[in-house]
Amino acid sequence: MAPELIEFNYTRYLRIIGTYHALNNADRARLELLIDHASFVALEWDQQRQGDVDITLMAEPFREKASYDTNTHTIVSGCLNSLYLLAFLRGNERQIRLANEGKSPDDPRDTEASEFDFCYTLAQSKGKAVYLVDLPRSEQLLALSSLPARAKLRHFSSFLALAPRPKQAEEIICQRREDHMFRRIEEEEGCSLEDLTRAGILVVGTAHAINYRKRIEK
């Protein structure tokens, strides 16, 4: 069975790979081949998630501004804000499950295992440079917590398919992270993406891959 990945070259030496946040056997075989031919592997992942850091949400009544405690990995915010962030996290998990349910019955996707863990472990075992380039999860959540109340309400409604995701949330979840991932690759490689001299891949979810492809199609 053919792999179900989105693949394209963003620049001469950077190839974007989009996954459904779940892999089947054909996907794993294709990713292994891509990693074999890459000098570096960049992942839509960060040190917090790679280190299995479980970020705790703590609600404090009447608290206006959220904060993150790096020692306890706790985001402290108002009650409604904590509920909003919890809904965002659970909504993401639900979207991944729904996107993969019943797909590829002959070669089902494993929704319990992270594709980024797979790529990270495999790339390291092959001696490849591995870059965790996503915006840290704590920074994403703090940025979302700072959105205006109206944007949070519309975003909350989008979890129930009652409204589209507001542009302010879209900017944080997509554009800001996508720009950050590119900057991190440039920092690690010491040059712009156009001036890369080593072949690499960036493994991201399909939504980010589609957004990156739109950039080069403009």
Protein backbone atom coordinates (compact mmCIF):
# COMPACT_ATOMS: atom_id res chain seq x y z
CA MET A 1 0.00 0.00 0.00
CA ALA A 2 1.26 3.51 -0.81
CA PRO A 3 2.21 5.91 2.01
CA GLU A 4 -0.29 8.64 2.88
CA LEU A 5 2.07 11.56 3.24
CA ILE A 6 2.21 15.00 1.66
CA GLU A 7 5.67 15.56 0.15
CA PHE A 8 7.23 18.45 -1.76
CA ASN A 9 10.43 20.46 -1.95
CA TYR A 10 10.17 23.90 -0.35
CA THR A 11 13.69 24.83 -1.43
CA ARG A 12 16.34 22.84 -3.24
CA TYR A 13 17.57 21.18 -0.04
CA LEU A 14 14.50 21.29 2.22
CA ARG A 15 11.68 18.80 1.71
CA ILE A 16 8.40 19.19 3.60
CA ILE A 17 6.68 16.01 4.80
CA GLY A 18 3.07 16.22 6.02
CA THR A 19 1.52 13.49 8.18
CA TYR A 20 -1.91 12.90 9.69
CA HIS A 21 -0.31 12.77 13.17
CA ALA A 22 -0.59 9.00 12.91
CA LEU A 23 1.42 6.57 10.80
CA ASN A 24 0.72 3.28 9.07
CA ASN A 25 3.41 0.81 7.99
CA ALA A 26 3.74 2.32 4.52
CA ASP A 27 4.26 5.78 6.07
CA ARG A 28 6.98 4.44 8.37
CA ALA A 29 8.81 2.76 5.49
CA ARG A 30 8.71 5.96 3.41
CA LEU A 31 9.87 8.11 6.33
CA GLU A 32 12.78 5.77 6.97
CA LEU A 33 13.87 6.14 3.34
CA LEU A 34 13.58 9.92 3.54
CA ILE A 35 15.57 10.01 6.77
CA ASP A 36 18.26 7.79 5.22
CA HIS A 37 18.80 10.39 2.49
CA ALA A 38 18.65 13.47 4.76
CA SER A 39 21.51 15.15 6.60
CA PHE A 40 19.13 16.67 9.14
CA VAL A 41 15.60 15.96 10.32
CA ALA A 42 13.49 18.84 11.68
CA LEU A 43 10.30 18.04 13.54
CA GLU A 44 7.12 19.89 14.50
CA TRP A 45 8.00 19.05 18.10
CA ASP A 46 9.64 20.77 21.06
CA GLN A 47 11.73 19.85 24.10
CA GLN A 48 8.70 19.91 26.40
CA ARG A 49 6.81 17.29 24.44
CA GLN A 50 9.92 15.25 23.67
CA GLY A 51 10.68 15.17 27.39
CA ASP A 52 7.09 14.07 28.14
CA VAL A 53 6.51 17.26 30.12
CA ASP A 54 2.88 17.24 31.19
CA ILE A 55 1.72 20.85 31.37
CA THR A 56 -0.82 21.33 34.15
CA LEU A 57 -3.60 23.91 33.94
CA MET A 58 -4.44 25.57 37.25
CA ALA A 59 -7.44 27.86 37.65
CA GLU A 60 -7.42 30.85 39.99
CA PRO A 61 -10.66 32.84 40.30
CA PHE A 62 -10.44 36.45 39.09
CA ARG A 63 -6.90 36.04 37.74
CA GLU A 64 -6.56 38.24 34.65
CA LYS A 65 -3.21 37.27 33.10
CA ALA A 66 -1.92 33.74 32.66
CA SER A 67 1.60 32.76 33.69
CA TYR A 68 3.79 29.69 33.29
CA ASP A 69 5.82 28.16 36.15
CA THR A 70 8.85 26.48 34.58
CA ASN A 71 9.58 24.47 37.74
CA THR A 72 6.17 22.82 38.02
CA HIS A 73 5.22 23.15 34.33
CA THR A 74 1.95 24.76 35.35
CA ILE A 75 -0.05 27.44 33.55
CA VAL A 76 -2.01 29.45 36.09
CA SER A 77 -4.92 31.45 34.70
CA GLY A 78 -8.50 32.47 35.42
CA CYS A 79 -11.22 29.83 35.55
CA LEU A 80 -12.71 30.57 32.13
CA ASN A 81 -9.28 30.82 30.57
CA SER A 82 -8.28 27.43 31.99
CA LEU A 83 -11.50 25.93 30.61
CA TYR A 84 -10.75 27.43 27.18
CA LEU A 85 -7.19 26.04 27.12
CA LEU A 86 -8.40 22.61 28.25
CA ALA A 87 -11.02 22.62 25.48
CA PHE A 88 -8.31 23.53 22.96
CA LEU A 89 -6.08 20.63 24.03
CA ARG A 90 -8.93 18.11 24.07
CA GLY A 91 -10.27 19.48 20.79
CA ASN A 92 -6.91 18.85 19.12
CA GLU A 93 -6.85 15.26 20.36
CA ARG A 94 -10.39 14.72 19.09
CA GLN A 95 -9.57 16.14 15.64
CA ILE A 96 -6.64 13.75 15.28
CA ARG A 97 -8.80 10.76 16.23
CA LEU A 98 -11.58 11.76 13.83
CA ALA A 99 -9.11 12.37 10.99
CA ASN A 100 -7.75 8.84 11.33
CA GLU A 101 -10.77 6.72 12.26
CA GLY A 102 -11.61 4.14 9.63
CA LYS A 103 -8.83 5.28 7.30
CA SER A 104 -6.59 2.75 5.53
CA PRO A 105 -8.35 -0.39 6.87
CA ASP A 106 -5.75 -2.61 5.18
CA ASP A 107 -2.90 -0.68 6.81
CA PRO A 108 -4.43 1.23 9.76
CA ARG A 109 -2.81 4.30 11.25
CA ASP A 110 -1.54 4.03 14.81
CA THR A 111 -3.15 6.94 16.69
CA GLU A 112 -1.55 5.93 20.00
CA ALA A 113 2.06 6.49 18.84
CA SER A 114 3.61 9.84 17.94
CA GLU A 115 5.06 10.13 14.45
CA PHE A 116 7.57 12.61 15.86
CA ASP A 117 8.81 10.11 18.44
CA PHE A 118 9.20 7.62 15.61
CA CYS A 119 11.20 10.05 13.46
CA TYR A 120 13.26 11.31 16.41
CA THR A 121 14.30 7.83 17.54
CA LEU A 122 14.96 6.58 14.02
CA ALA A 123 16.98 9.65 12.97
CA GLN A 124 19.10 9.49 16.12
CA SER A 125 19.79 5.79 15.60
CA LYS A 126 21.07 6.64 12.11
CA GLY A 127 23.31 9.44 13.37
CA LYS A 128 21.31 12.25 11.77
CA ALA A 129 21.08 15.77 13.19
CA VAL A 130 17.63 16.17 14.76
CA TYR A 131 16.08 19.60 15.32
CA LEU A 132 12.98 20.10 17.48
CA VAL A 133 11.74 23.30 15.90
CA ASP A 134 8.15 23.89 17.02
CA LEU A 135 7.14 26.72 19.31
CA PRO A 136 7.13 25.30 22.87
CA ARG A 137 3.68 24.14 23.92
CA SER A 138 3.69 26.47 26.94
CA GLU A 139 4.28 29.49 24.68
CA GLN A 140 1.44 28.43 22.38
CA LEU A 141 -0.98 28.13 25.29
CA LEU A 142 0.09 31.46 26.81
CA ALA A 143 -0.37 33.17 23.45
CA LEU A 144 -3.86 31.70 23.10
CA SER A 145 -4.71 32.74 26.65
CA SER A 146 -3.97 36.37 25.74
CA LEU A 147 -6.58 36.46 22.95
CA PRO A 148 -9.58 38.76 23.39
CA ALA A 149 -12.64 37.15 24.96
CA ARG A 150 -14.64 37.33 21.71
CA ALA A 151 -11.89 35.44 19.81
CA LYS A 152 -11.74 32.79 22.54
CA LEU A 153 -15.49 32.31 22.36
CA ARG A 154 -15.40 31.92 18.58
CA HIS A 155 -12.46 29.53 18.88
CA PHE A 156 -14.35 27.53 21.50
CA SER A 157 -17.33 27.36 19.11
CA SER A 158 -15.06 26.01 16.38
CA PHE A 159 -14.31 22.95 18.53
CA LEU A 160 -18.01 22.09 18.20
CA ALA A 161 -18.02 22.90 14.46
CA LEU A 162 -20.35 25.83 15.17
CA ALA A 163 -18.02 28.47 13.69
CA PRO A 164 -14.73 28.71 11.78
CA ARG A 165 -11.55 29.22 13.76
CA PRO A 166 -10.95 32.97 14.26
CA LYS A 167 -8.03 34.60 12.48
CA GLN A 168 -6.33 35.57 15.76
CA ALA A 169 -6.20 31.92 16.85
CA GLU A 170 -5.22 30.80 13.35
CA GLU A 171 -2.25 33.17 13.42
CA ILE A 172 -0.93 31.62 16.64
CA ILE A 173 -1.67 27.98 15.82
CA CYS A 174 -0.46 28.10 12.22
CA GLN A 175 1.41 31.13 10.88
CA ARG A 176 3.39 31.96 14.01
CA ARG A 177 4.48 28.35 14.47
CA GLU A 178 5.28 27.84 10.80
CA ASP A 179 7.47 30.95 10.74
CA HIS A 180 9.13 29.81 13.97
CA MET A 181 9.94 26.38 12.54
CA PHE A 182 11.64 27.89 9.51
CA ARG A 183 13.64 30.30 11.69
CA ARG A 184 14.81 27.46 13.92
CA ILE A 185 16.07 25.48 10.93
CA GLU A 186 17.97 28.54 9.71
CA GLU A 187 19.47 29.00 13.18
CA GLU A 188 20.57 25.37 13.37
CA GLU A 189 22.02 25.33 9.86
CA GLY A 190 23.50 28.85 10.07
CA CYS A 191 22.01 30.12 6.82
CA SER A 192 18.75 30.93 5.09
CA LEU A 193 16.59 28.12 3.71
CA GLU A 194 17.54 29.17 0.18
CA ASP A 195 21.24 28.87 1.02
CA LEU A 196 21.12 25.42 2.62
CA THR A 197 23.94 23.16 1.48
CA ARG A 198 22.74 20.03 3.27
CA ALA A 199 19.59 18.11 2.42
CA GLY A 200 16.99 17.97 5.16
CA ILE A 201 13.36 17.22 5.82
CA LEU A 202 10.78 19.00 7.96
CA VAL A 203 8.08 16.68 9.28
CA VAL A 204 4.83 18.46 10.19
CA GLY A 205 1.10 17.81 10.33
CA THR A 206 -0.83 17.96 7.06
CA ALA A 207 -2.39 21.36 7.85
CA HIS A 208 1.06 22.95 8.18
CA ALA A 209 2.28 21.15 5.06
CA ILE A 210 -0.66 22.51 3.06
CA ASN A 211 0.03 26.03 4.36
CA TYR A 212 3.71 25.76 3.40
CA ARG A 213 2.77 24.56 -0.08
CA LYS A 214 0.46 27.57 -0.49
CA ARG A 215 3.44 29.84 0.20
CA ILE A 216 5.41 28.53 -2.74
CA GLU A 217 2.35 28.49 -5.03
CA LYS A 218 1.77 32.23 -4.59
